[in-house]
Protein backbone atom coordinates (compact mmCIF):
# COMPACT_ATOMS: atom_id res chain seq x y z
CA UNK A 1 -51.00 33.98 -43.61
CA UNK A 2 -49.41 34.82 -40.39
CA UNK A 3 -51.29 34.68 -36.93
CA UNK A 4 -50.34 35.80 -33.08
CA UNK A 5 -50.93 34.69 -30.17
CA UNK A 6 -50.69 37.20 -27.16
CA UNK A 7 -50.00 33.73 -24.86
CA UNK A 8 -51.07 36.38 -21.24
CA UNK A 9 -54.54 36.32 -22.29
CA UNK A 10 -54.64 31.72 -23.90
CA UNK A 11 -52.85 29.77 -25.46
CA UNK A 12 -55.39 28.88 -28.28
CA UNK A 13 -56.59 32.14 -30.53
CA UNK A 14 -60.79 31.35 -30.22
CA UNK A 15 -60.35 33.78 -33.62
CA UNK A 16 -58.91 31.48 -35.41
CA UNK A 17 -57.03 28.50 -34.38
CA UNK A 18 -53.36 29.86 -33.69
CA UNK A 19 -52.00 28.07 -31.17
CA UNK A 20 -47.63 27.62 -30.74
CA UNK A 21 -47.65 23.88 -30.13
CA UNK A 22 -46.30 23.31 -32.84
CA UNK A 23 -43.22 25.88 -32.74
CA UNK A 24 -42.69 24.86 -28.93
CA UNK A 25 -43.01 20.51 -29.93
CA UNK A 26 -40.03 21.62 -32.55
CA UNK A 27 -37.57 23.80 -30.86
CA UNK A 28 -36.11 21.09 -28.90
CA UNK A 29 -35.53 18.73 -31.30
CA UNK A 30 -33.76 22.32 -33.46
CA UNK A 31 -31.56 23.13 -30.74
CA UNK A 32 -30.09 19.18 -29.97
CA UNK A 33 -29.32 19.67 -33.96
CA UNK A 34 -27.70 22.84 -33.72
CA UNK A 35 -25.47 21.64 -31.01
CA UNK A 36 -23.19 20.22 -32.57
CA UNK A 37 -22.47 23.07 -34.32
CA UNK A 38 -21.62 26.73 -33.51
CA UNK A 39 -24.44 28.53 -32.99
CA UNK A 40 -23.32 31.89 -33.34
CA UNK A 41 -22.36 31.07 -37.40
CA UNK A 42 -23.98 30.64 -40.17
CA UNK A 43 -27.89 29.68 -38.57
CA UNK A 44 -28.90 29.96 -41.81
CA UNK A 45 -27.52 26.91 -43.49
CA UNK A 46 -27.35 24.59 -39.91
CA UNK A 47 -31.48 25.43 -39.56
CA UNK A 48 -31.66 24.71 -43.28
CA UNK A 49 -29.68 21.36 -42.96
CA UNK A 50 -32.30 20.99 -40.27
CA UNK A 51 -35.89 21.08 -41.86
CA UNK A 52 -33.97 18.92 -44.87
CA UNK A 53 -33.52 15.84 -42.52
CA UNK A 54 -36.42 16.73 -41.08
CA UNK A 55 -38.98 16.79 -44.11
CA UNK A 56 -36.35 13.46 -45.61
CA UNK A 57 -36.95 11.60 -42.25
CA UNK A 58 -41.02 12.74 -42.40
CA UNK A 59 -40.97 11.27 -45.90
CA UNK A 60 -38.82 8.10 -45.39
CA UNK A 61 -36.15 9.25 -47.92
CA UNK A 62 -32.42 9.07 -47.06
CA UNK A 63 -31.28 12.49 -46.75
CA UNK A 64 -28.39 11.36 -48.71
CA UNK A 65 -29.98 10.33 -52.46
CA UNK A 66 -32.60 12.96 -52.22
CA UNK A 67 -29.35 15.48 -52.12
CA UNK A 68 -28.43 13.80 -54.81
CA UNK A 69 -31.83 13.85 -56.55
CA UNK A 70 -32.13 17.10 -56.22
CA UNK A 71 -28.44 18.82 -57.09
CA UNK A 72 -29.20 15.82 -60.51
CA UNK A 73 -32.40 17.39 -61.40
CA UNK A 74 -31.54 21.62 -61.42
CA UNK A 75 -31.10 23.65 -64.16
CA UNK A 76 -27.76 24.96 -63.38
CA UNK A 77 -27.98 27.20 -66.33
CA UNK A 78 -30.93 29.20 -64.50
CA UNK A 79 -28.36 29.80 -61.14
CA UNK A 80 -26.77 33.03 -60.44
CA UNK A 81 -23.40 32.52 -58.06
CA UNK A 82 -22.78 35.78 -56.83
CA UNK A 83 -19.76 37.72 -57.80
CA UNK A 84 -16.69 37.55 -54.46
CA UNK A 85 -16.08 41.11 -53.88
CA UNK A 86 -13.20 42.31 -55.18
CA UNK A 87 -9.62 41.90 -53.73
CA UNK A 88 -7.97 45.05 -52.47
CA UNK A 89 -4.58 45.19 -53.28
């Protein structure tokens, strides 16, 4: 369920309880993490990397070991690999 907050009226929606504190607290960490990359390219990949690393840290799991666990448990025959576009000759 998407919730919005009109901060020109209030910072906590009295009807839904929605507020922006979590994203406002998280955004500085995301910007620091993305600072090592070119923010203009591959933003989705780098943001996914941040989310993966943050989740591993919160759960106390070494990211490299979690990555290996995930890769080892993928049912590869069910994965579709996008075909690269045909080259013009």
